[in-house]
Amino acid sequence: MISLDPHHIEIRQLHNLTIGGVAPRPIALVSTQSENGVDNLAPFSFFNAFSSNPPVLAFSAARRGRDGTFKDTYNNLLQTKQCVVHVVTHEIVEQVNLASTEFSSQTDEFIKTGLTKIASKVVKPYRVAESPMHMECVLRQMIPLGDKNGSGNLAICDVVQFHIREDLYVDEKVVLEQMNQVGRAGGNYYTYCNSASMFEVPAPRTAVGIGWDHLPAWLFELGLSKNELAQLALIEHLPDGMAVAKGTLSDENVKSVQSFLAQRDIQSAWDELVKINA
């Protein structure tokens, strides 16, 4: 494994390590307005949600890497303390990419990108009609993360109004698999977030599993993957008589256990192990 000290490498390498190591990243398409009323749009992938109650988002409007100057989004936020954060989908990804062009600060970027303005409910910056979800925000705090080229400026924002397309909000939940969001990866690569690329891993809630360290040693000799063993470790109590292997499991037995685990049917996988180890 290669080890690198960030204090001794160039900015381009630092950037590549950061965006390559933290991926995929959601994209915030942020609309702001200058104090003179000029509308700006810019995408940010140093972005995430950090609180549900109250709802808080944050993104980094970094200094330009080549000369350390500030971006229009940063300047506008300091002036007006307001913005709208939009979800980016595959249907608008090229227009969002166009918004990353360094147009003049006096340019209306809705016009340049071909995206449609609609009025916000609480804040002054306009919303993007083509995005399926909008979050109107006010700036809580701007935290400078450095004073060098490429240094970030963390904009922490409180959401004051949500807007979401009707068909994407069902039973008080966002239908994420139908939203067709995209994210940023390293370099010029993007990723999809849709039903074809998503899978479920239910998180442990109130139940406390036995853990990896309490799995019987003989399970580690069956050729199960670490993911499969970790699923077995979620069971709350080790079934009686399972501490020691009582016989030899065939390949078919193991495949049967793996089949249940592939369906995330952990109890049936353990039932199968108990049955064949009786």
C-alpha atoms as a PDB file:
ATOM      1  CA  MET A   1       0.000   0.000   0.000  1.00  0.00           C
ATOM      2  CA  ILE A   2       1.335   3.441  -0.997  1.00  0.00           C
ATOM      3  CA  SER A   3       1.453   6.077   1.772  1.00  0.00           C
ATOM      4  CA  LEU A   4       1.401   9.787   0.897  1.00  0.00           C
ATOM      5  CA  ASP A   5       1.885  12.846   3.098  1.00  0.00           C
ATOM      6  CA  PRO A   6      -0.484  15.611   1.886  1.00  0.00           C
ATOM      7  CA  HIS A   7       2.033  18.252   2.988  1.00  0.00           C
ATOM      8  CA  HIS A   8       4.535  17.051   0.400  1.00  0.00           C
ATOM      9  CA  ILE A   9       2.512  16.591  -2.795  1.00  0.00           C
ATOM     10  CA  GLU A  10       1.249  19.001  -5.447  1.00  0.00           C
ATOM     11  CA  ILE A  11      -2.286  20.427  -5.556  1.00  0.00           C
ATOM     12  CA  ARG A  12      -3.276  18.414  -8.652  1.00  0.00           C
ATOM     13  CA  GLN A  13      -2.276  15.175  -6.953  1.00  0.00           C
ATOM     14  CA  LEU A  14      -4.085  16.232  -3.764  1.00  0.00           C
ATOM     15  CA  HIS A  15      -7.226  16.901  -5.780  1.00  0.00           C
ATOM     16  CA  ASN A  16      -7.040  13.572  -7.607  1.00  0.00           C
ATOM     17  CA  LEU A  17      -6.550  11.667  -4.355  1.00  0.00           C
ATOM     18  CA  THR A  18      -9.485  13.436  -2.722  1.00  0.00           C
ATOM     19  CA  ILE A  19     -12.011  12.996  -5.532  1.00  0.00           C
ATOM     20  CA  GLY A  20     -10.823   9.461  -6.265  1.00  0.00           C
ATOM     21  CA  GLY A  21     -10.925   8.354  -2.651  1.00  0.00           C
ATOM     22  CA  VAL A  22     -14.273   9.966  -1.850  1.00  0.00           C
ATOM     23  CA  ALA A  23     -16.562   8.671  -4.584  1.00  0.00           C
ATOM     24  CA  PRO A  24     -19.235   8.603  -5.746  1.00  0.00           C
ATOM     25  CA  ARG A  25     -20.277  12.028  -4.519  1.00  0.00           C
ATOM     26  CA  PRO A  26     -23.743  13.596  -4.868  1.00  0.00           C
ATOM     27  CA  ILE A  27     -23.955  16.773  -6.921  1.00  0.00           C
ATOM     28  CA  ALA A  28     -25.569  19.995  -5.742  1.00  0.00           C
ATOM     29  CA  LEU A  29     -26.683  22.352  -8.478  1.00  0.00           C
ATOM     30  CA  VAL A  30     -26.722  25.626  -6.552  1.00  0.00           C
ATOM     31  CA  SER A  31     -28.556  28.741  -7.664  1.00  0.00           C
ATOM     32  CA  THR A  32     -27.624  32.064  -6.105  1.00  0.00           C
ATOM     33  CA  GLN A  33     -28.277  35.703  -6.869  1.00  0.00           C
ATOM     34  CA  SER A  34     -25.866  38.596  -6.557  1.00  0.00           C
ATOM     35  CA  GLU A  35     -26.815  41.714  -4.609  1.00  0.00           C
ATOM     36  CA  ASN A  36     -27.430  43.299  -8.030  1.00  0.00           C
ATOM     37  CA  GLY A  37     -29.896  40.563  -9.009  1.00  0.00           C
ATOM     38  CA  VAL A  38     -27.708  38.558 -11.412  1.00  0.00           C
ATOM     39  CA  ASP A  39     -28.618  34.849 -11.365  1.00  0.00           C
ATOM     40  CA  ASN A  40     -25.847  32.279 -11.033  1.00  0.00           C
ATOM     41  CA  LEU A  41     -25.820  28.485 -11.337  1.00  0.00           C
ATOM     42  CA  ALA A  42     -22.945  26.205 -10.353  1.00  0.00           C
ATOM     43  CA  PRO A  43     -22.516  22.490  -9.590  1.00  0.00           C
ATOM     44  CA  PHE A  44     -20.645  21.265  -6.508  1.00  0.00           C
ATOM     45  CA  SER A  45     -19.717  17.669  -5.725  1.00  0.00           C
ATOM     46  CA  PHE A  46     -18.022  18.415  -2.398  1.00  0.00           C
ATOM     47  CA  PHE A  47     -21.546  18.229  -1.001  1.00  0.00           C
ATOM     48  CA  ASN A  48     -23.724  16.273   1.410  1.00  0.00           C
ATOM     49  CA  ALA A  49     -26.472  16.378   4.055  1.00  0.00           C
ATOM     50  CA  PHE A  50     -25.373  16.649   7.682  1.00  0.00           C
ATOM     51  CA  SER A  51     -28.555  16.876   9.735  1.00  0.00           C
ATOM     52  CA  SER A  52     -32.204  15.874   9.360  1.00  0.00           C
ATOM     53  CA  ASN A  53     -33.642  17.847  12.265  1.00  0.00           C
ATOM     54  CA  PRO A  54     -32.994  20.626  11.536  1.00  0.00           C
ATOM     55  CA  PRO A  55     -32.291  19.827   7.870  1.00  0.00           C
ATOM     56  CA  VAL A  56     -28.775  21.058   7.097  1.00  0.00           C
ATOM     57  CA  LEU A  57     -26.787  20.747   3.874  1.00  0.00           C
ATOM     58  CA  ALA A  58     -23.196  21.743   3.220  1.00  0.00           C
ATOM     59  CA  PHE A  59     -21.081  22.179   0.115  1.00  0.00           C
ATOM     60  CA  SER A  60     -17.632  23.562  -0.507  1.00  0.00           C
ATOM     61  CA  ALA A  61     -17.239  26.510  -2.863  1.00  0.00           C
ATOM     62  CA  ALA A  62     -13.495  26.085  -3.245  1.00  0.00           C
ATOM     63  CA  ARG A  63     -11.065  28.731  -4.426  1.00  0.00           C
ATOM     64  CA  ARG A  64     -10.000  28.282  -8.036  1.00  0.00           C
ATOM     65  CA  GLY A  65      -7.026  25.968  -8.302  1.00  0.00           C
ATOM     66  CA  ARG A  66      -5.100  28.044 -10.814  1.00  0.00           C
ATOM     67  CA  ASP A  67      -5.143  31.435  -9.048  1.00  0.00           C
ATOM     68  CA  GLY A  68      -6.921  31.102  -5.681  1.00  0.00           C
ATOM     69  CA  THR A  69      -9.761  33.469  -6.598  1.00  0.00           C
ATOM     70  CA  PHE A  70     -13.292  33.031  -5.253  1.00  0.00           C
ATOM     71  CA  LYS A  71     -16.241  31.746  -7.275  1.00  0.00           C
ATOM     72  CA  ASP A  72     -19.467  33.666  -7.847  1.00  0.00           C
ATOM     73  CA  THR A  73     -21.437  31.270  -5.636  1.00  0.00           C
ATOM     74  CA  TYR A  74     -19.167  32.077  -2.701  1.00  0.00           C
ATOM     75  CA  ASN A  75     -19.408  35.830  -3.257  1.00  0.00           C
ATOM     76  CA  ASN A  76     -23.187  35.742  -3.748  1.00  0.00           C
ATOM     77  CA  LEU A  77     -23.763  33.663  -0.621  1.00  0.00           C
ATOM     78  CA  LEU A  78     -21.779  36.079   1.513  1.00  0.00           C
ATOM     79  CA  GLN A  79     -23.783  38.973   0.081  1.00  0.00           C
ATOM     80  CA  THR A  80     -27.321  37.555   0.229  1.00  0.00           C
ATOM     81  CA  LYS A  81     -27.098  34.506   2.572  1.00  0.00           C
ATOM     82  CA  GLN A  82     -29.516  32.578   0.317  1.00  0.00           C
ATOM     83  CA  CYS A  83     -29.384  29.770  -2.244  1.00  0.00           C
ATOM     84  CA  VAL A  84     -31.351  26.866  -3.697  1.00  0.00           C
ATOM     85  CA  VAL A  85     -29.807  23.393  -3.884  1.00  0.00           C
ATOM     86  CA  HIS A  86     -31.107  21.133  -6.668  1.00  0.00           C
ATOM     87  CA  VAL A  87     -30.879  17.412  -7.321  1.00  0.00           C
ATOM     88  CA  VAL A  88     -28.995  16.620 -10.543  1.00  0.00           C
ATOM     89  CA  THR A  89     -30.412  13.891 -12.782  1.00  0.00           C
ATOM     90  CA  HIS A  90     -29.091  12.285 -15.947  1.00  0.00           C
ATOM     91  CA  GLU A  91     -31.636  14.240 -17.984  1.00  0.00           C
ATOM     92  CA  ILE A  92     -29.909  17.554 -17.168  1.00  0.00           C
ATOM     93  CA  VAL A  93     -26.317  16.445 -16.555  1.00  0.00           C
ATOM     94  CA  GLU A  94     -24.951  18.137 -19.697  1.00  0.00           C
ATOM     95  CA  GLN A  95     -26.669  21.426 -18.883  1.00  0.00           C
ATOM     96  CA  VAL A  96     -25.307  21.192 -15.339  1.00  0.00           C
ATOM     97  CA  ASN A  97     -21.844  20.550 -16.762  1.00  0.00           C
ATOM     98  CA  LEU A  98     -22.295  23.660 -18.903  1.00  0.00           C
ATOM     99  CA  ALA A  99     -23.026  25.603 -15.704  1.00  0.00           C
ATOM    100  CA  SER A 100     -19.491  24.827 -14.514  1.00  0.00           C
ATOM    101  CA  THR A 101     -18.157  27.109 -17.266  1.00  0.00           C
ATOM    102  CA  GLU A 102     -16.592  30.264 -15.830  1.00  0.00           C
ATOM    103  CA  PHE A 103     -18.985  32.790 -17.296  1.00  0.00           C
ATOM    104  CA  SER A 104     -18.724  36.446 -16.310  1.00  0.00           C
ATOM    105  CA  SER A 105     -20.202  37.321 -12.918  1.00  0.00           C
ATOM    106  CA  GLN A 106     -22.626  39.599 -14.804  1.00  0.00           C
ATOM    107  CA  THR A 107     -24.002  36.686 -16.861  1.00  0.00           C
ATOM    108  CA  ASP A 108     -27.402  35.102 -16.199  1.00  0.00           C
ATOM    109  CA  GLU A 109     -26.457  31.426 -16.183  1.00  0.00           C
ATOM    110  CA  PHE A 110     -30.044  30.233 -16.544  1.00  0.00           C
ATOM    111  CA  ILE A 111     -29.919  31.753 -20.025  1.00  0.00           C
ATOM    112  CA  LYS A 112     -26.496  30.280 -20.791  1.00  0.00           C
ATOM    113  CA  THR A 113     -27.478  26.757 -19.714  1.00  0.00           C
ATOM    114  CA  GLY A 114     -31.003  26.720 -21.124  1.00  0.00           C
ATOM    115  CA  LEU A 115     -32.467  25.853 -17.732  1.00  0.00           C
ATOM    116  CA  THR A 116     -35.826  27.302 -16.725  1.00  0.00           C
ATOM    117  CA  LYS A 117     -36.369  29.728 -13.841  1.00  0.00           C
ATOM    118  CA  ILE A 118     -39.256  29.302 -11.433  1.00  0.00           C
ATOM    119  CA  ALA A 119     -39.850  31.459  -8.379  1.00  0.00           C
ATOM    120  CA  SER A 120     -38.862  30.214  -4.948  1.00  0.00           C
ATOM    121  CA  LYS A 121     -41.273  30.341  -2.034  1.00  0.00           C
ATOM    122  CA  VAL A 122     -39.001  31.664   0.743  1.00  0.00           C
ATOM    123  CA  VAL A 123     -35.689  32.832  -0.746  1.00  0.00           C
ATOM    124  CA  LYS A 124     -34.887  35.166  -3.647  1.00  0.00           C
ATOM    125  CA  PRO A 125     -32.720  32.906  -5.874  1.00  0.00           C
ATOM    126  CA  TYR A 126     -34.739  31.125  -8.533  1.00  0.00           C
ATOM    127  CA  ARG A 127     -35.312  27.394  -8.720  1.00  0.00           C
ATOM    128  CA  VAL A 128     -34.500  25.155 -11.709  1.00  0.00           C
ATOM    129  CA  ALA A 129     -37.720  23.743 -13.165  1.00  0.00           C
ATOM    130  CA  GLU A 130     -36.011  20.763 -14.813  1.00  0.00           C
ATOM    131  CA  SER A 131     -34.682  19.371 -11.516  1.00  0.00           C
ATOM    132  CA  PRO A 132     -37.121  17.029  -9.721  1.00  0.00           C
ATOM    133  CA  MET A 133     -36.182  18.207  -6.222  1.00  0.00           C
ATOM    134  CA  HIS A 134     -35.251  21.637  -4.842  1.00  0.00           C
ATOM    135  CA  MET A 135     -34.164  22.739  -1.378  1.00  0.00           C
ATOM    136  CA  GLU A 136     -34.391  26.438  -0.575  1.00  0.00           C
ATOM    137  CA  CYS A 137     -31.663  27.368   1.894  1.00  0.00           C
ATOM    138  CA  VAL A 138     -30.286  30.167   4.024  1.00  0.00           C
ATOM    139  CA  LEU A 139     -26.613  30.328   4.914  1.00  0.00           C
ATOM    140  CA  ARG A 140     -25.919  29.341   8.498  1.00  0.00           C
ATOM    141  CA  GLN A 141     -22.132  29.667   8.365  1.00  0.00           C
ATOM    142  CA  MET A 142     -19.295  29.948   5.853  1.00  0.00           C
ATOM    143  CA  ILE A 143     -16.121  28.279   7.092  1.00  0.00           C
ATOM    144  CA  PRO A 144     -12.845  28.996   5.233  1.00  0.00           C
ATOM    145  CA  LEU A 145     -10.776  25.804   5.092  1.00  0.00           C
ATOM    146  CA  GLY A 146      -7.573  27.441   3.910  1.00  0.00           C
ATOM    147  CA  ASP A 147      -6.106  30.397   2.040  1.00  0.00           C
ATOM    148  CA  LYS A 148      -4.342  28.587  -0.798  1.00  0.00           C
ATOM    149  CA  ASN A 149      -5.250  27.732  -4.373  1.00  0.00           C
ATOM    150  CA  GLY A 150      -7.947  25.052  -4.266  1.00  0.00           C
ATOM    151  CA  SER A 151      -8.776  25.608  -0.596  1.00  0.00           C
ATOM    152  CA  GLY A 152     -12.396  24.956   0.282  1.00  0.00           C
ATOM    153  CA  ASN A 153     -15.001  27.255   1.788  1.00  0.00           C
ATOM    154  CA  LEU A 154     -17.618  25.187   3.565  1.00  0.00           C
ATOM    155  CA  ALA A 155     -21.092  26.682   3.130  1.00  0.00           C
ATOM    156  CA  ILE A 156     -23.349  25.263   5.854  1.00  0.00           C
ATOM    157  CA  CYS A 157     -26.968  25.882   4.898  1.00  0.00           C
ATOM    158  CA  ASP A 158     -30.319  25.426   6.628  1.00  0.00           C
ATOM    159  CA  VAL A 159     -33.106  24.110   4.420  1.00  0.00           C
ATOM    160  CA  VAL A 160     -36.160  26.357   4.783  1.00  0.00           C
ATOM    161  CA  GLN A 161     -38.350  24.793   2.089  1.00  0.00           C
ATOM    162  CA  PHE A 162     -38.421  21.463   0.217  1.00  0.00           C
ATOM    163  CA  HIS A 163     -39.961  20.955  -3.235  1.00  0.00           C
ATOM    164  CA  ILE A 164     -40.247  17.527  -4.890  1.00  0.00           C
ATOM    165  CA  ARG A 165     -42.066  16.195  -7.934  1.00  0.00           C
ATOM    166  CA  GLU A 166     -45.313  14.492  -6.913  1.00  0.00           C
ATOM    167  CA  ASP A 167     -44.541  11.069  -8.412  1.00  0.00           C
ATOM    168  CA  LEU A 168     -41.231  10.934  -6.551  1.00  0.00           C
ATOM    169  CA  TYR A 169     -42.734  11.387  -3.079  1.00  0.00           C
ATOM    170  CA  VAL A 170     -44.867   8.405  -2.073  1.00  0.00           C
ATOM    171  CA  ASP A 171     -45.987   7.510   1.461  1.00  0.00           C
ATOM    172  CA  GLU A 172     -43.814  10.353   2.787  1.00  0.00           C
ATOM    173  CA  LYS A 173     -40.675   8.828   1.244  1.00  0.00           C
ATOM    174  CA  VAL A 174     -38.503   9.883  -1.686  1.00  0.00           C
ATOM    175  CA  VAL A 175     -38.676   7.302  -4.492  1.00  0.00           C
ATOM    176  CA  LEU A 176     -34.942   7.482  -5.082  1.00  0.00           C
ATOM    177  CA  GLU A 177     -34.753   4.552  -7.493  1.00  0.00           C
ATOM    178  CA  GLN A 178     -36.929   6.448  -9.977  1.00  0.00           C
ATOM    179  CA  MET A 179     -35.266   9.850  -9.637  1.00  0.00           C
ATOM    180  CA  ASN A 180     -32.320   8.914 -11.887  1.00  0.00           C
ATOM    181  CA  GLN A 181     -29.757  11.001 -10.005  1.00  0.00           C
ATOM    182  CA  VAL A 182     -26.123  11.101 -11.056  1.00  0.00           C
ATOM    183  CA  GLY A 183     -22.991  11.516  -8.954  1.00  0.00           C
ATOM    184  CA  ARG A 184     -19.366  12.424  -9.494  1.00  0.00           C
ATOM    185  CA  ALA A 185     -16.496   9.970  -9.397  1.00  0.00           C
ATOM    186  CA  GLY A 186     -12.809  10.581 -10.094  1.00  0.00           C
ATOM    187  CA  GLY A 187     -11.684  12.599 -13.107  1.00  0.00           C
ATOM    188  CA  ASN A 188     -14.442  13.166 -15.659  1.00  0.00           C
ATOM    189  CA  TYR A 189     -16.412  10.103 -14.606  1.00  0.00           C
ATOM    190  CA  TYR A 190     -20.000  10.160 -13.360  1.00  0.00           C
ATOM    191  CA  THR A 191     -22.135   7.445 -11.785  1.00  0.00           C
ATOM    192  CA  TYR A 192     -25.818   6.568 -11.914  1.00  0.00           C
ATOM    193  CA  CYS A 193     -28.106   6.278  -8.904  1.00  0.00           C
ATOM    194  CA  ASN A 194     -31.131   4.354 -10.150  1.00  0.00           C
ATOM    195  CA  SER A 195     -32.862   0.995  -9.797  1.00  0.00           C
ATOM    196  CA  ALA A 196     -30.247  -0.716 -11.984  1.00  0.00           C
ATOM    197  CA  SER A 197     -27.333   0.401  -9.805  1.00  0.00           C
ATOM    198  CA  MET A 198     -28.873   0.252  -6.315  1.00  0.00           C
ATOM    199  CA  PHE A 199     -29.031  -2.622  -3.834  1.00  0.00           C
ATOM    200  CA  GLU A 200     -30.318  -2.951  -0.278  1.00  0.00           C
ATOM    201  CA  VAL A 201     -28.313  -3.658   2.870  1.00  0.00           C
ATOM    202  CA  PRO A 202     -30.748  -3.281   5.795  1.00  0.00           C
ATOM    203  CA  ALA A 203     -29.015  -1.584   8.724  1.00  0.00           C
ATOM    204  CA  PRO A 204     -29.113  -3.200  12.178  1.00  0.00           C
ATOM    205  CA  ARG A 205     -31.575  -1.234  14.297  1.00  0.00           C
ATOM    206  CA  THR A 206     -32.471  -2.327  17.814  1.00  0.00           C
ATOM    207  CA  ALA A 207     -31.250  -5.925  17.558  1.00  0.00           C
ATOM    208  CA  VAL A 208     -27.629  -6.595  18.549  1.00  0.00           C
ATOM    209  CA  GLY A 209     -25.967  -9.404  16.603  1.00  0.00           C
ATOM    210  CA  ILE A 210     -23.422 -11.869  17.969  1.00  0.00           C
ATOM    211  CA  GLY A 211     -20.658 -10.200  15.954  1.00  0.00           C
ATOM    212  CA  TRP A 212     -17.773 -11.573  13.928  1.00  0.00           C
ATOM    213  CA  ASP A 213     -15.825 -12.692  16.986  1.00  0.00           C
ATOM    214  CA  HIS A 214     -18.593 -15.074  18.120  1.00  0.00           C
ATOM    215  CA  LEU A 215     -18.983 -16.906  14.825  1.00  0.00           C
ATOM    216  CA  PRO A 216     -17.967 -20.586  15.152  1.00  0.00           C
ATOM    217  CA  ALA A 217     -14.479 -21.232  13.776  1.00  0.00           C
ATOM    218  CA  TRP A 218     -15.709 -23.948  11.409  1.00  0.00           C
ATOM    219  CA  LEU A 219     -17.828 -21.455   9.459  1.00  0.00           C
ATOM    220  CA  PHE A 220     -14.629 -19.776   8.280  1.00  0.00           C
ATOM    221  CA  GLU A 221     -13.597 -23.009   6.545  1.00  0.00           C
ATOM    222  CA  LEU A 222     -16.663 -23.237   4.298  1.00  0.00           C
ATOM    223  CA  GLY A 223     -15.452 -20.816   1.641  1.00  0.00           C
ATOM    224  CA  LEU A 224     -18.045 -18.192   2.496  1.00  0.00           C
ATOM    225  CA  SER A 225     -17.157 -14.619   1.587  1.00  0.00           C
ATOM    226  CA  LYS A 226     -16.571 -12.024   4.276  1.00  0.00           C
ATOM    227  CA  ASN A 227     -19.827 -10.352   3.265  1.00  0.00           C
ATOM    228  CA  GLU A 228     -21.672 -13.636   3.798  1.00  0.00           C
ATOM    229  CA  LEU A 229     -20.005 -14.245   7.159  1.00  0.00           C
ATOM    230  CA  ALA A 230     -20.883 -10.701   8.254  1.00  0.00           C
ATOM    231  CA  GLN A 231     -24.534 -11.401   7.462  1.00  0.00           C
ATOM    232  CA  LEU A 232     -24.427 -14.532   9.634  1.00  0.00           C
ATOM    233  CA  ALA A 233     -22.921 -12.425  12.441  1.00  0.00           C
ATOM    234  CA  LEU A 234     -26.116 -10.340  12.556  1.00  0.00           C
ATOM    235  CA  ILE A 235     -28.051 -13.123  14.314  1.00  0.00           C
ATOM    236  CA  GLU A 236     -28.839 -12.240  17.939  1.00  0.00           C
ATOM    237  CA  HIS A 237     -28.091 -15.654  19.459  1.00  0.00           C
ATOM    238  CA  LEU A 238     -25.943 -18.521  18.225  1.00  0.00           C
ATOM    239  CA  PRO A 239     -28.227 -21.554  17.784  1.00  0.00           C
ATOM    240  CA  ASP A 240     -27.640 -24.422  20.191  1.00  0.00           C
ATOM    241  CA  GLY A 241     -25.107 -27.003  19.128  1.00  0.00           C
ATOM    242  CA  MET A 242     -23.437 -24.809  16.504  1.00  0.00           C
ATOM    243  CA  ALA A 243     -20.173 -24.049  18.313  1.00  0.00           C
ATOM    244  CA  VAL A 244     -18.544 -27.215  16.935  1.00  0.00           C
ATOM    245  CA  ALA A 245     -18.901 -28.823  13.504  1.00  0.00           C
ATOM    246  CA  LYS A 246     -20.470 -32.265  13.705  1.00  0.00           C
ATOM    247  CA  GLY A 247     -19.825 -33.317  10.161  1.00  0.00           C
ATOM    248  CA  THR A 248     -18.643 -32.257   6.728  1.00  0.00           C
ATOM    249  CA  LEU A 249     -20.758 -29.897   4.655  1.00  0.00           C
ATOM    250  CA  SER A 250     -20.994 -30.622   0.961  1.00  0.00           C
ATOM    251  CA  ASP A 251     -20.636 -27.993  -1.735  1.00  0.00           C
ATOM    252  CA  GLU A 252     -24.390 -28.241  -2.266  1.00  0.00           C
ATOM    253  CA  ASN A 253     -24.991 -27.500   1.411  1.00  0.00           C
ATOM    254  CA  VAL A 254     -22.798 -24.405   1.219  1.00  0.00           C
ATOM    255  CA  LYS A 255     -24.489 -23.231  -1.994  1.00  0.00           C
ATOM    256  CA  SER A 256     -27.849 -23.580  -0.276  1.00  0.00           C
ATOM    257  CA  VAL A 257     -26.670 -21.341   2.580  1.00  0.00           C
ATOM    258  CA  GLN A 258     -25.249 -18.839   0.097  1.00  0.00           C
ATOM    259  CA  SER A 259     -28.534 -18.804  -1.804  1.00  0.00           C
ATOM    260  CA  PHE A 260     -30.421 -17.744   1.312  1.00  0.00           C
ATOM    261  CA  LEU A 261     -27.825 -15.081   2.107  1.00  0.00           C
ATOM    262  CA  ALA A 262     -28.046 -13.719  -1.442  1.00  0.00           C
ATOM    263  CA  GLN A 263     -31.716 -13.074  -0.678  1.00  0.00           C
ATOM    264  CA  ARG A 264     -30.753 -11.584   2.705  1.00  0.00           C
ATOM    265  CA  ASP A 265     -32.720 -14.370   4.403  1.00  0.00           C
ATOM    266  CA  ILE A 266     -30.320 -14.738   7.327  1.00  0.00           C
ATOM    267  CA  GLN A 267     -32.640 -16.800   9.504  1.00  0.00           C
ATOM    268  CA  SER A 268     -33.155 -19.403   6.757  1.00  0.00           C
ATOM    269  CA  ALA A 269     -29.393 -19.542   6.188  1.00  0.00           C
ATOM    270  CA  TRP A 270     -28.892 -20.344   9.874  1.00  0.00           C
ATOM    271  CA  ASP A 271     -31.766 -22.843   9.795  1.00  0.00           C
ATOM    272  CA  GLU A 272     -30.004 -24.590   6.923  1.00  0.00           C
ATOM    273  CA  LEU A 273     -26.716 -24.642   8.827  1.00  0.00           C
ATOM    274  CA  VAL A 274     -28.446 -26.068  11.901  1.00  0.00           C
ATOM    275  CA  LYS A 275     -30.156 -28.743   9.814  1.00  0.00           C
ATOM    276  CA  ILE A 276     -27.021 -29.940   8.062  1.00  0.00           C
ATOM    277  CA  ASN A 277     -24.912 -29.729  11.219  1.00  0.00           C
ATOM    278  CA  ALA A 278     -27.342 -31.751  13.339  1.00  0.00           C
END
